[in-house]
Amino acid sequence: MAVIYDYFGGLYINLTNRCPCRCEFCIKNYTDSLGSADSLILDREPTVDEVKEELRKWNVQAYDEVIFCGYGEPTERLDEVLEIAAFVKAAYGKPVRLNTIGLADLIWEKETAPLLSGKIDAVSISMNESDAEGFMALCHPRFGIRSYDAVIKYIEDAKKYVPNVAVSVVRGTITKESLEKCRKKAAELGVDFKVR
């Protein structure tokens, strides 16, 4: 079970396998391993102290940033994300990125973006589709049809507290028309757009 792993030169933290979605394209549907990790399937969720200990085994200074992204939604463990992010910044002086589906507010039933301020330097949010119905069909969120609007609100909120915000879609999972609608929506929201 890998808690820390290298993927295309990035240093990643795998905190949980829990996720509020069951995306059709999710890589964990196809493989247990990714990058330097033999398996990202966790036997159990690591404690904050265990993550810190694992980080000490890596040359963190060799990486441009530390990224929360594993085989689950990091904000399922939001308190731990924030504590570890503060540690990374204090101990290594490295920027921290959060890769997320953007449903933290529904997970925790409160506005969560303000908590990222000063701890998270970049957020990459999986927009995945251009409307609520498409998002439902592709991502199967446990919160139902309101999920897409929650993602859009999270993007708007994150911009207020995090210096760099981007949204993404997965190549080949949506139509070209939907992809262009997502690109246009990102421009309207004033955030970067990526096709992964």
N, C-alpha and C. Protein backbone atom coordinates (compact mmCIF):
# COMPACT_ATOMS: atom_id res chain seq x y z
N MET A 1 0.86 -1.18 0.00
CA MET A 1 0.00 0.00 0.00
C MET A 1 0.89 1.23 0.00
N ALA A 2 0.68 2.12 -0.97
CA ALA A 2 1.51 3.31 -1.11
C ALA A 2 0.76 4.54 -0.59
N VAL A 3 1.40 5.24 0.32
CA VAL A 3 0.86 6.50 0.84
C VAL A 3 1.46 7.67 0.09
N ILE A 4 2.76 7.59 -0.21
CA ILE A 4 3.45 8.60 -0.99
C ILE A 4 3.94 7.93 -2.27
N TYR A 5 3.78 8.61 -3.41
CA TYR A 5 4.27 8.03 -4.65
C TYR A 5 4.67 9.12 -5.64
N ASP A 6 5.54 8.74 -6.56
CA ASP A 6 6.01 9.61 -7.62
C ASP A 6 5.23 9.29 -8.88
N TYR A 7 4.74 10.33 -9.55
CA TYR A 7 4.01 10.13 -10.80
C TYR A 7 4.37 11.26 -11.74
N PHE A 8 5.04 10.93 -12.84
CA PHE A 8 5.50 11.92 -13.82
C PHE A 8 6.24 13.08 -13.15
N GLY A 9 7.08 12.76 -12.18
CA GLY A 9 7.90 13.77 -11.54
C GLY A 9 7.22 14.58 -10.46
N GLY A 10 5.97 14.23 -10.11
CA GLY A 10 5.27 14.90 -9.02
C GLY A 10 5.26 14.01 -7.79
N LEU A 11 5.22 14.60 -6.61
CA LEU A 11 5.16 13.84 -5.36
C LEU A 11 3.73 13.89 -4.83
N TYR A 12 3.10 12.72 -4.77
CA TYR A 12 1.68 12.61 -4.46
C TYR A 12 1.43 11.96 -3.10
N ILE A 13 0.36 12.41 -2.45
CA ILE A 13 -0.08 11.82 -1.18
C ILE A 13 -1.43 11.15 -1.38
N ASN A 14 -1.48 9.87 -1.06
CA ASN A 14 -2.68 9.04 -1.19
C ASN A 14 -3.28 8.84 0.20
N LEU A 15 -4.27 9.64 0.55
CA LEU A 15 -4.81 9.65 1.92
C LEU A 15 -5.99 8.73 2.15
N THR A 16 -6.76 8.47 1.10
CA THR A 16 -8.00 7.71 1.28
C THR A 16 -8.41 7.06 -0.05
N ASN A 17 -9.17 6.00 0.05
CA ASN A 17 -9.78 5.40 -1.14
C ASN A 17 -11.27 5.74 -1.22
N ARG A 18 -11.78 6.49 -0.22
CA ARG A 18 -13.19 6.90 -0.23
C ARG A 18 -13.42 8.01 -1.26
N CYS A 19 -14.58 7.99 -1.90
CA CYS A 19 -14.92 9.02 -2.87
C CYS A 19 -16.45 9.12 -2.96
N PRO A 20 -16.98 10.34 -3.12
CA PRO A 20 -18.43 10.50 -3.26
C PRO A 20 -18.93 10.19 -4.68
N CYS A 21 -18.01 9.86 -5.58
CA CYS A 21 -18.39 9.57 -6.97
C CYS A 21 -17.89 8.19 -7.39
N ARG A 22 -18.47 7.71 -8.46
CA ARG A 22 -18.03 6.47 -9.11
C ARG A 22 -17.85 6.77 -10.59
N CYS A 23 -16.87 7.57 -10.92
CA CYS A 23 -16.68 8.04 -12.29
C CYS A 23 -16.40 6.87 -13.23
N GLU A 24 -17.05 6.92 -14.39
CA GLU A 24 -16.90 5.86 -15.39
C GLU A 24 -15.44 5.65 -15.78
N PHE A 25 -14.67 6.73 -15.82
CA PHE A 25 -13.30 6.68 -16.32
C PHE A 25 -12.25 6.48 -15.22
N CYS A 26 -12.67 6.37 -13.96
CA CYS A 26 -11.71 6.33 -12.85
C CYS A 26 -10.66 5.25 -13.05
N ILE A 27 -9.41 5.64 -12.89
CA ILE A 27 -8.31 4.71 -13.15
C ILE A 27 -8.31 3.52 -12.21
N LYS A 28 -8.90 3.69 -11.02
CA LYS A 28 -8.90 2.55 -10.10
C LYS A 28 -9.84 1.44 -10.56
N ASN A 29 -10.64 1.70 -11.61
CA ASN A 29 -11.44 0.64 -12.22
C ASN A 29 -10.58 -0.28 -13.08
N TYR A 30 -9.35 0.16 -13.38
CA TYR A 30 -8.52 -0.57 -14.34
C TYR A 30 -7.21 -1.10 -13.76
N THR A 31 -6.68 -0.44 -12.73
CA THR A 31 -5.39 -0.87 -12.18
C THR A 31 -5.26 -0.45 -10.72
N ASP A 32 -4.47 -1.19 -9.97
CA ASP A 32 -4.17 -0.85 -8.58
C ASP A 32 -2.95 0.05 -8.48
N SER A 33 -2.12 0.05 -9.53
CA SER A 33 -0.83 0.75 -9.45
C SER A 33 -0.82 1.99 -10.33
N LEU A 34 0.04 2.92 -9.96
CA LEU A 34 0.20 4.15 -10.71
C LEU A 34 1.57 4.73 -10.36
N GLY A 35 2.31 5.20 -11.36
CA GLY A 35 3.62 5.77 -11.10
C GLY A 35 4.50 4.80 -10.35
N SER A 36 5.13 5.27 -9.28
CA SER A 36 6.04 4.43 -8.50
C SER A 36 5.32 3.51 -7.51
N ALA A 37 4.00 3.64 -7.42
CA ALA A 37 3.24 2.87 -6.44
C ALA A 37 2.85 1.50 -6.99
N ASP A 38 3.22 0.45 -6.25
CA ASP A 38 2.78 -0.90 -6.62
C ASP A 38 1.27 -1.03 -6.46
N SER A 39 0.74 -0.42 -5.38
CA SER A 39 -0.71 -0.43 -5.16
C SER A 39 -1.13 0.81 -4.39
N LEU A 40 -2.15 1.48 -4.92
CA LEU A 40 -2.71 2.63 -4.22
C LEU A 40 -3.98 2.25 -3.45
N ILE A 41 -4.29 0.97 -3.43
CA ILE A 41 -5.40 0.48 -2.61
C ILE A 41 -4.91 0.40 -1.17
N LEU A 42 -5.54 1.17 -0.30
CA LEU A 42 -5.11 1.26 1.09
C LEU A 42 -5.73 0.15 1.94
N ASP A 43 -4.90 -0.50 2.75
CA ASP A 43 -5.41 -1.46 3.74
C ASP A 43 -6.19 -0.70 4.81
N ARG A 44 -5.70 0.51 5.09
CA ARG A 44 -6.34 1.41 6.06
C ARG A 44 -5.84 2.81 5.75
N GLU A 45 -6.57 3.81 6.22
CA GLU A 45 -6.15 5.18 5.98
C GLU A 45 -5.00 5.56 6.91
N PRO A 46 -3.95 6.18 6.38
CA PRO A 46 -2.81 6.54 7.22
C PRO A 46 -3.13 7.71 8.14
N THR A 47 -2.51 7.72 9.30
CA THR A 47 -2.63 8.85 10.21
C THR A 47 -1.77 10.00 9.70
N VAL A 48 -1.98 11.17 10.24
CA VAL A 48 -1.16 12.33 9.88
C VAL A 48 0.30 12.05 10.20
N ASP A 49 0.58 11.48 11.37
CA ASP A 49 1.96 11.17 11.74
C ASP A 49 2.60 10.16 10.80
N GLU A 50 1.82 9.20 10.34
CA GLU A 50 2.35 8.21 9.39
C GLU A 50 2.67 8.87 8.05
N VAL A 51 1.85 9.81 7.62
CA VAL A 51 2.14 10.52 6.37
C VAL A 51 3.42 11.33 6.51
N LYS A 52 3.56 12.03 7.64
CA LYS A 52 4.78 12.80 7.87
C LYS A 52 6.02 11.89 7.85
N GLU A 53 5.91 10.74 8.47
CA GLU A 53 7.03 9.79 8.51
C GLU A 53 7.35 9.29 7.10
N GLU A 54 6.33 9.03 6.30
CA GLU A 54 6.56 8.58 4.92
C GLU A 54 7.21 9.69 4.09
N LEU A 55 6.78 10.93 4.30
CA LEU A 55 7.38 12.05 3.58
C LEU A 55 8.87 12.17 3.88
N ARG A 56 9.26 11.88 5.12
CA ARG A 56 10.68 11.98 5.51
C ARG A 56 11.56 10.97 4.76
N LYS A 57 10.95 9.97 4.18
CA LYS A 57 11.71 8.96 3.42
C LYS A 57 12.00 9.42 1.99
N TRP A 58 11.39 10.51 1.59
CA TRP A 58 11.53 11.02 0.22
C TRP A 58 12.39 12.29 0.21
N ASN A 59 13.02 12.56 -0.91
CA ASN A 59 13.73 13.81 -1.10
C ASN A 59 12.71 14.84 -1.60
N VAL A 60 11.94 15.38 -0.68
CA VAL A 60 10.85 16.29 -1.03
C VAL A 60 11.38 17.51 -1.79
N GLN A 61 12.60 17.93 -1.46
CA GLN A 61 13.17 19.11 -2.11
C GLN A 61 13.37 18.91 -3.62
N ALA A 62 13.40 17.68 -4.07
CA ALA A 62 13.60 17.40 -5.49
C ALA A 62 12.33 17.65 -6.32
N TYR A 63 11.21 17.89 -5.65
CA TYR A 63 9.92 18.06 -6.34
C TYR A 63 9.48 19.52 -6.33
N ASP A 64 8.77 19.90 -7.39
CA ASP A 64 8.27 21.28 -7.49
C ASP A 64 7.10 21.53 -6.54
N GLU A 65 6.30 20.50 -6.31
CA GLU A 65 5.13 20.65 -5.44
C GLU A 65 4.76 19.29 -4.86
N VAL A 66 3.91 19.33 -3.85
CA VAL A 66 3.34 18.12 -3.25
C VAL A 66 1.84 18.15 -3.53
N ILE A 67 1.32 17.01 -3.99
CA ILE A 67 -0.06 16.97 -4.48
C ILE A 67 -0.89 15.95 -3.71
N PHE A 68 -2.05 16.37 -3.25
CA PHE A 68 -2.99 15.43 -2.65
C PHE A 68 -3.84 14.83 -3.77
N CYS A 69 -3.58 13.58 -4.08
CA CYS A 69 -4.33 12.88 -5.11
C CYS A 69 -3.94 11.41 -5.06
N GLY A 70 -4.90 10.56 -4.77
CA GLY A 70 -4.62 9.14 -4.76
C GLY A 70 -5.77 8.39 -5.39
N TYR A 71 -6.18 7.30 -4.76
CA TYR A 71 -7.30 6.51 -5.29
C TYR A 71 -8.58 6.81 -4.54
N GLY A 72 -8.75 8.06 -4.14
CA GLY A 72 -9.96 8.52 -3.48
C GLY A 72 -10.00 10.03 -3.51
N GLU A 73 -11.03 10.59 -2.93
CA GLU A 73 -11.21 12.05 -2.87
C GLU A 73 -10.54 12.58 -1.61
N PRO A 74 -9.45 13.36 -1.74
CA PRO A 74 -8.72 13.82 -0.56
C PRO A 74 -9.57 14.57 0.46
N THR A 75 -10.58 15.33 0.00
CA THR A 75 -11.36 16.12 0.95
C THR A 75 -12.30 15.27 1.81
N GLU A 76 -12.37 13.98 1.56
CA GLU A 76 -13.04 13.08 2.51
C GLU A 76 -12.31 13.13 3.85
N ARG A 77 -11.03 13.54 3.81
CA ARG A 77 -10.21 13.70 5.01
C ARG A 77 -9.66 15.13 5.06
N LEU A 78 -10.56 16.08 5.00
CA LEU A 78 -10.18 17.49 4.87
C LEU A 78 -9.29 17.96 6.02
N ASP A 79 -9.62 17.64 7.25
CA ASP A 79 -8.79 18.10 8.38
C ASP A 79 -7.36 17.60 8.25
N GLU A 80 -7.21 16.34 7.82
CA GLU A 80 -5.87 15.78 7.66
C GLU A 80 -5.13 16.43 6.50
N VAL A 81 -5.83 16.71 5.41
CA VAL A 81 -5.23 17.42 4.28
C VAL A 81 -4.65 18.75 4.76
N LEU A 82 -5.42 19.49 5.51
CA LEU A 82 -4.98 20.82 5.96
C LEU A 82 -3.80 20.73 6.92
N GLU A 83 -3.83 19.75 7.80
CA GLU A 83 -2.71 19.59 8.76
C GLU A 83 -1.43 19.17 8.04
N ILE A 84 -1.54 18.26 7.12
CA ILE A 84 -0.36 17.80 6.37
C ILE A 84 0.15 18.91 5.45
N ALA A 85 -0.75 19.65 4.83
CA ALA A 85 -0.34 20.76 3.95
C ALA A 85 0.46 21.79 4.74
N ALA A 86 0.00 22.12 5.94
CA ALA A 86 0.72 23.08 6.78
C ALA A 86 2.11 22.54 7.12
N PHE A 87 2.19 21.24 7.39
CA PHE A 87 3.48 20.60 7.69
C PHE A 87 4.42 20.68 6.50
N VAL A 88 3.92 20.36 5.31
CA VAL A 88 4.74 20.38 4.10
C VAL A 88 5.31 21.78 3.86
N LYS A 89 4.48 22.79 4.03
CA LYS A 89 4.94 24.15 3.81
C LYS A 89 5.97 24.57 4.85
N ALA A 90 5.75 24.18 6.12
CA ALA A 90 6.67 24.56 7.19
C ALA A 90 7.98 23.77 7.11
N ALA A 91 7.90 22.48 6.86
CA ALA A 91 9.09 21.62 6.90
C ALA A 91 9.91 21.68 5.61
N TYR A 92 9.23 21.85 4.46
CA TYR A 92 9.92 21.75 3.18
C TYR A 92 9.82 23.01 2.32
N GLY A 93 8.93 23.92 2.68
CA GLY A 93 8.77 25.15 1.91
C GLY A 93 8.25 24.92 0.50
N LYS A 94 7.52 23.83 0.31
CA LYS A 94 7.03 23.48 -1.01
C LYS A 94 5.56 23.87 -1.19
N PRO A 95 5.18 24.31 -2.39
CA PRO A 95 3.76 24.56 -2.63
C PRO A 95 2.97 23.26 -2.61
N VAL A 96 1.69 23.37 -2.28
CA VAL A 96 0.82 22.21 -2.14
C VAL A 96 -0.38 22.37 -3.07
N ARG A 97 -0.67 21.29 -3.82
CA ARG A 97 -1.83 21.29 -4.70
C ARG A 97 -2.82 20.24 -4.22
N LEU A 98 -4.09 20.57 -4.35
CA LEU A 98 -5.19 19.65 -4.05
C LEU A 98 -5.90 19.30 -5.34
N ASN A 99 -5.93 18.01 -5.67
CA ASN A 99 -6.74 17.53 -6.79
C ASN A 99 -8.05 17.00 -6.21
N THR A 100 -9.18 17.51 -6.70
CA THR A 100 -10.45 17.21 -6.07
C THR A 100 -11.60 17.14 -7.07
N ILE A 101 -12.64 16.46 -6.70
CA ILE A 101 -13.88 16.42 -7.50
C ILE A 101 -14.73 17.67 -7.22
N GLY A 102 -14.40 18.41 -6.15
CA GLY A 102 -15.09 19.66 -5.87
C GLY A 102 -16.38 19.53 -5.08
N LEU A 103 -16.54 18.43 -4.36
CA LEU A 103 -17.77 18.20 -3.59
C LEU A 103 -17.57 18.27 -2.08
N ALA A 104 -16.49 18.91 -1.65
CA ALA A 104 -16.19 18.98 -0.21
C ALA A 104 -17.32 19.62 0.59
N ASP A 105 -17.97 20.64 0.02
CA ASP A 105 -19.05 21.30 0.76
C ASP A 105 -20.22 20.36 1.03
N LEU A 106 -20.50 19.47 0.09
CA LEU A 106 -21.57 18.50 0.30
C LEU A 106 -21.13 17.39 1.25
N ILE A 107 -19.86 17.00 1.16
CA ILE A 107 -19.34 15.98 2.08
C ILE A 107 -19.45 16.46 3.52
N TRP A 108 -19.06 17.71 3.75
CA TRP A 108 -18.97 18.24 5.12
C TRP A 108 -20.17 19.10 5.51
N GLU A 109 -21.07 19.36 4.58
CA GLU A 109 -22.27 20.16 4.84
C GLU A 109 -21.93 21.54 5.38
N LYS A 110 -20.90 22.14 4.78
CA LYS A 110 -20.51 23.51 5.12
C LYS A 110 -19.61 24.03 4.02
N GLU A 111 -19.37 25.33 4.01
CA GLU A 111 -18.46 25.93 3.04
C GLU A 111 -17.03 25.63 3.47
N THR A 112 -16.27 24.98 2.60
CA THR A 112 -14.94 24.52 3.00
C THR A 112 -13.79 25.30 2.36
N ALA A 113 -14.03 26.01 1.27
CA ALA A 113 -12.95 26.70 0.58
C ALA A 113 -12.17 27.67 1.47
N PRO A 114 -12.81 28.40 2.40
CA PRO A 114 -12.03 29.30 3.26
C PRO A 114 -10.95 28.58 4.07
N LEU A 115 -11.16 27.31 4.36
CA LEU A 115 -10.19 26.55 5.15
C LEU A 115 -8.88 26.30 4.38
N LEU A 116 -8.92 26.44 3.06
CA LEU A 116 -7.73 26.20 2.23
C LEU A 116 -6.74 27.36 2.28
N SER A 117 -7.22 28.52 2.67
CA SER A 117 -6.41 29.74 2.64
C SER A 117 -5.12 29.58 3.43
N GLY A 118 -3.98 29.88 2.76
CA GLY A 118 -2.68 29.83 3.42
C GLY A 118 -2.08 28.44 3.50
N LYS A 119 -2.85 27.43 3.17
CA LYS A 119 -2.34 26.05 3.24
C LYS A 119 -2.24 25.40 1.87
N ILE A 120 -3.18 25.70 0.99
CA ILE A 120 -3.22 25.12 -0.35
C ILE A 120 -2.89 26.21 -1.37
N ASP A 121 -1.91 25.94 -2.23
CA ASP A 121 -1.47 26.93 -3.21
C ASP A 121 -2.16 26.78 -4.56
N ALA A 122 -2.63 25.58 -4.85
CA ALA A 122 -3.30 25.33 -6.13
C ALA A 122 -4.37 24.27 -5.93
N VAL A 123 -5.47 24.43 -6.63
CA VAL A 123 -6.54 23.44 -6.62
C VAL A 123 -6.87 23.08 -8.06
N SER A 124 -6.90 21.79 -8.33
CA SER A 124 -7.34 21.30 -9.64
C SER A 124 -8.65 20.55 -9.42
N ILE A 125 -9.71 21.06 -10.03
CA ILE A 125 -11.06 20.56 -9.79
C ILE A 125 -11.56 19.83 -11.04
N SER A 126 -12.03 18.62 -10.85
CA SER A 126 -12.53 17.82 -11.98
C SER A 126 -13.94 18.25 -12.33
N MET A 127 -14.06 19.11 -13.34
CA MET A 127 -15.38 19.55 -13.79
C MET A 127 -16.09 18.40 -14.51
N ASN A 128 -15.35 17.71 -15.38
CA ASN A 128 -15.76 16.47 -16.04
C ASN A 128 -16.89 16.57 -17.05
N GLU A 129 -17.84 17.45 -16.87
CA GLU A 129 -18.96 17.58 -17.82
C GLU A 129 -19.48 19.02 -17.81
N SER A 130 -20.33 19.31 -18.79
CA SER A 130 -20.77 20.70 -18.98
C SER A 130 -22.13 21.01 -18.39
N ASP A 131 -22.82 19.99 -17.82
CA ASP A 131 -24.11 20.25 -17.18
C ASP A 131 -24.40 19.17 -16.13
N ALA A 132 -25.43 19.41 -15.35
CA ALA A 132 -25.75 18.55 -14.22
C ALA A 132 -26.11 17.13 -14.65
N GLU A 133 -26.86 17.01 -15.72
CA GLU A 133 -27.27 15.67 -16.18
C GLU A 133 -26.08 14.87 -16.69
N GLY A 134 -25.21 15.52 -17.44
CA GLY A 134 -24.02 14.86 -17.94
C GLY A 134 -23.10 14.43 -16.81
N PHE A 135 -22.95 15.31 -15.80
CA PHE A 135 -22.12 15.00 -14.64
C PHE A 135 -22.68 13.79 -13.90
N MET A 136 -24.00 13.74 -13.75
CA MET A 136 -24.64 12.60 -13.09
C MET A 136 -24.35 11.30 -13.83
N ALA A 137 -24.50 11.32 -15.14
CA ALA A 137 -24.33 10.12 -15.95
C ALA A 137 -22.88 9.64 -15.99
N LEU A 138 -21.94 10.58 -15.95
CA LEU A 138 -20.52 10.22 -16.05
C LEU A 138 -19.89 9.90 -14.70
N CYS A 139 -20.28 10.63 -13.66
CA CYS A 139 -19.60 10.54 -12.36
C CYS A 139 -20.39 9.84 -11.26
N HIS A 140 -21.69 9.69 -11.44
CA HIS A 140 -22.54 8.99 -10.45
C HIS A 140 -22.32 9.46 -9.01
N PRO A 141 -22.43 10.77 -8.77
CA PRO A 141 -22.20 11.29 -7.42
C PRO A 141 -23.29 10.84 -6.44
N ARG A 142 -22.89 10.55 -5.23
CA ARG A 142 -23.86 10.07 -4.23
C ARG A 142 -24.81 11.18 -3.79
N PHE A 143 -24.47 12.43 -4.11
CA PHE A 143 -25.33 13.56 -3.72
C PHE A 143 -26.38 13.89 -4.77
N GLY A 144 -26.38 13.16 -5.88
CA GLY A 144 -27.41 13.34 -6.88
C GLY A 144 -27.21 14.56 -7.77
N ILE A 145 -28.31 15.03 -8.34
CA ILE A 145 -28.30 16.04 -9.38
C ILE A 145 -27.73 17.38 -8.92
N ARG A 146 -27.78 17.67 -7.62
CA ARG A 146 -27.26 18.96 -7.12
C ARG A 146 -25.73 19.01 -7.14
N SER A 147 -25.08 17.90 -7.43
CA SER A 147 -23.61 17.82 -7.36
C SER A 147 -22.92 18.79 -8.32
N TYR A 148 -23.40 18.88 -9.56
CA TYR A 148 -22.73 19.74 -10.54
C TYR A 148 -22.73 21.20 -10.08
N ASP A 149 -23.87 21.68 -9.61
CA ASP A 149 -23.93 23.07 -9.14
C ASP A 149 -23.00 23.27 -7.95
N ALA A 150 -22.85 22.25 -7.11
CA ALA A 150 -21.94 22.34 -5.97
C ALA A 150 -20.49 22.45 -6.45
N VAL A 151 -20.15 21.73 -7.51
CA VAL A 151 -18.80 21.82 -8.08
C VAL A 151 -18.54 23.23 -8.60
N ILE A 152 -19.50 23.80 -9.32
CA ILE A 152 -19.34 25.15 -9.85
C ILE A 152 -19.18 26.16 -8.72
N LYS A 153 -19.98 26.03 -7.67
CA LYS A 153 -19.85 26.93 -6.53
C LYS A 153 -18.48 26.78 -5.86
N TYR A 154 -18.01 25.54 -5.76
CA TYR A 154 -16.70 25.29 -5.15
C TYR A 154 -15.60 25.98 -5.96
N ILE A 155 -15.71 25.93 -7.28
CA ILE A 155 -14.73 26.60 -8.13
C ILE A 155 -14.74 28.10 -7.85
N GLU A 156 -15.93 28.67 -7.80
CA GLU A 156 -16.05 30.11 -7.52
C GLU A 156 -15.49 30.46 -6.15
N ASP A 157 -15.78 29.64 -5.15
CA ASP A 157 -15.29 29.90 -3.80
C ASP A 157 -13.79 29.72 -3.70
N ALA A 158 -13.26 28.66 -4.33
CA ALA A 158 -11.82 28.38 -4.24
C ALA A 158 -11.00 29.54 -4.77
N LYS A 159 -11.50 30.23 -5.81
CA LYS A 159 -10.79 31.38 -6.37
C LYS A 159 -10.53 32.48 -5.34
N LYS A 160 -11.40 32.57 -4.34
CA LYS A 160 -11.27 33.62 -3.33
C LYS A 160 -10.14 33.33 -2.34
N TYR A 161 -9.75 32.06 -2.22
CA TYR A 161 -8.84 31.67 -1.14
C TYR A 161 -7.56 30.98 -1.60
N VAL A 162 -7.51 30.57 -2.87
CA VAL A 162 -6.37 29.81 -3.38
C VAL A 162 -5.80 30.55 -4.59
N PRO A 163 -4.47 30.75 -4.64
CA PRO A 163 -3.88 31.53 -5.72
C PRO A 163 -4.10 30.95 -7.12
N ASN A 164 -4.04 29.63 -7.25
CA ASN A 164 -4.14 29.02 -8.57
C ASN A 164 -5.25 27.98 -8.59
N VAL A 165 -6.25 28.21 -9.43
CA VAL A 165 -7.38 27.28 -9.55
C VAL A 165 -7.52 26.89 -11.02
N ALA A 166 -7.65 25.59 -11.24
CA ALA A 166 -7.85 25.06 -12.59
C ALA A 166 -8.97 24.03 -12.55
N VAL A 167 -9.63 23.86 -13.69
CA VAL A 167 -10.62 22.80 -13.82
C VAL A 167 -10.18 21.89 -14.96
N SER A 168 -10.68 20.65 -14.92
CA SER A 168 -10.25 19.70 -15.94
C SER A 168 -11.39 18.80 -16.39
N VAL A 169 -11.17 18.24 -17.57
CA VAL A 169 -12.03 17.18 -18.10
C VAL A 169 -11.09 16.07 -18.59
N VAL A 170 -11.64 14.88 -18.76
CA VAL A 170 -10.83 13.74 -19.20
C VAL A 170 -11.06 13.50 -20.69
N ARG A 171 -9.97 13.52 -21.44
CA ARG A 171 -10.02 13.32 -22.89
C ARG A 171 -10.73 12.01 -23.23
N GLY A 172 -11.64 12.08 -24.19
CA GLY A 172 -12.30 10.88 -24.68
C GLY A 172 -13.51 10.42 -23.89
N THR A 173 -13.84 11.14 -22.80
CA THR A 173 -14.98 10.71 -21.99
C THR A 173 -16.25 11.53 -22.26
N ILE A 174 -16.08 12.67 -22.91
CA ILE A 174 -17.23 13.50 -23.25
C ILE A 174 -17.14 13.92 -24.71
N THR A 175 -18.23 14.43 -25.25
CA THR A 175 -18.25 14.87 -26.64
C THR A 175 -17.41 16.13 -26.81
N LYS A 176 -17.00 16.40 -28.05
CA LYS A 176 -16.25 17.63 -28.34
C LYS A 176 -17.08 18.85 -27.98
N GLU A 177 -18.39 18.76 -28.21
CA GLU A 177 -19.29 19.88 -27.89
C GLU A 177 -19.28 20.15 -26.38
N SER A 178 -19.38 19.09 -25.57
CA SER A 178 -19.35 19.26 -24.12
C SER A 178 -18.00 19.79 -23.66
N LEU A 179 -16.93 19.28 -24.27
CA LEU A 179 -15.60 19.75 -23.91
C LEU A 179 -15.48 21.24 -24.16
N GLU A 180 -15.97 21.71 -25.29
CA GLU A 180 -15.89 23.14 -25.59
C GLU A 180 -16.77 23.97 -24.65
N LYS A 181 -17.91 23.41 -24.25
CA LYS A 181 -18.75 24.09 -23.26
C LYS A 181 -18.02 24.21 -21.92
N CYS A 182 -17.29 23.16 -21.55
CA CYS A 182 -16.50 23.20 -20.30
C CYS A 182 -15.40 24.25 -20.41
N ARG A 183 -14.74 24.29 -21.56
CA ARG A 183 -13.69 25.29 -21.77
C ARG A 183 -14.26 26.70 -21.63
N LYS A 184 -15.43 26.92 -22.22
CA LYS A 184 -16.08 28.23 -22.15
C LYS A 184 -16.48 28.55 -20.71
N LYS A 185 -17.00 27.57 -19.99
CA LYS A 185 -17.40 27.78 -18.60
C LYS A 185 -16.19 28.15 -17.75
N ALA A 186 -15.06 27.47 -17.98
CA ALA A 186 -13.84 27.78 -17.24
C ALA A 186 -13.42 29.22 -17.49
N ALA A 187 -13.52 29.66 -18.74
CA ALA A 187 -13.17 31.05 -19.08
C ALA A 187 -14.09 32.02 -18.37
N GLU A 188 -15.38 31.70 -18.32
CA GLU A 188 -16.35 32.54 -17.63
C GLU A 188 -16.05 32.63 -16.13
N LEU A 189 -15.60 31.51 -15.57
CA LEU A 189 -15.26 31.45 -14.15
C LEU A 189 -13.91 32.07 -13.85
N GLY A 190 -13.10 32.30 -14.90
CA GLY A 190 -11.78 32.91 -14.72
C GLY A 190 -10.75 31.96 -14.17
N VAL A 191 -10.84 30.67 -14.56
CA VAL A 191 -9.87 29.68 -14.09
C VAL A 191 -9.24 28.98 -15.29
N ASP A 192 -8.09 28.36 -15.05
CA ASP A 192 -7.41 27.61 -16.11
C ASP A 192 -8.21 26.36 -16.46
N PHE A 193 -8.02 25.90 -17.69
CA PHE A 193 -8.73 24.72 -18.17
C PHE A 193 -7.71 23.71 -18.70
N LYS A 194 -7.89 22.45 -18.28
CA LYS A 194 -6.97 21.40 -18.71
C LYS A 194 -7.75 20.20 -19.22
N VAL A 195 -7.22 19.59 -20.25
CA VAL A 195 -7.76 18.32 -20.74
C VAL A 195 -6.73 17.26 -20.34
N ARG A 196 -7.15 16.29 -19.51
CA ARG A 196 -6.19 15.29 -19.03
C ARG A 196 -6.28 14.02 -19.87
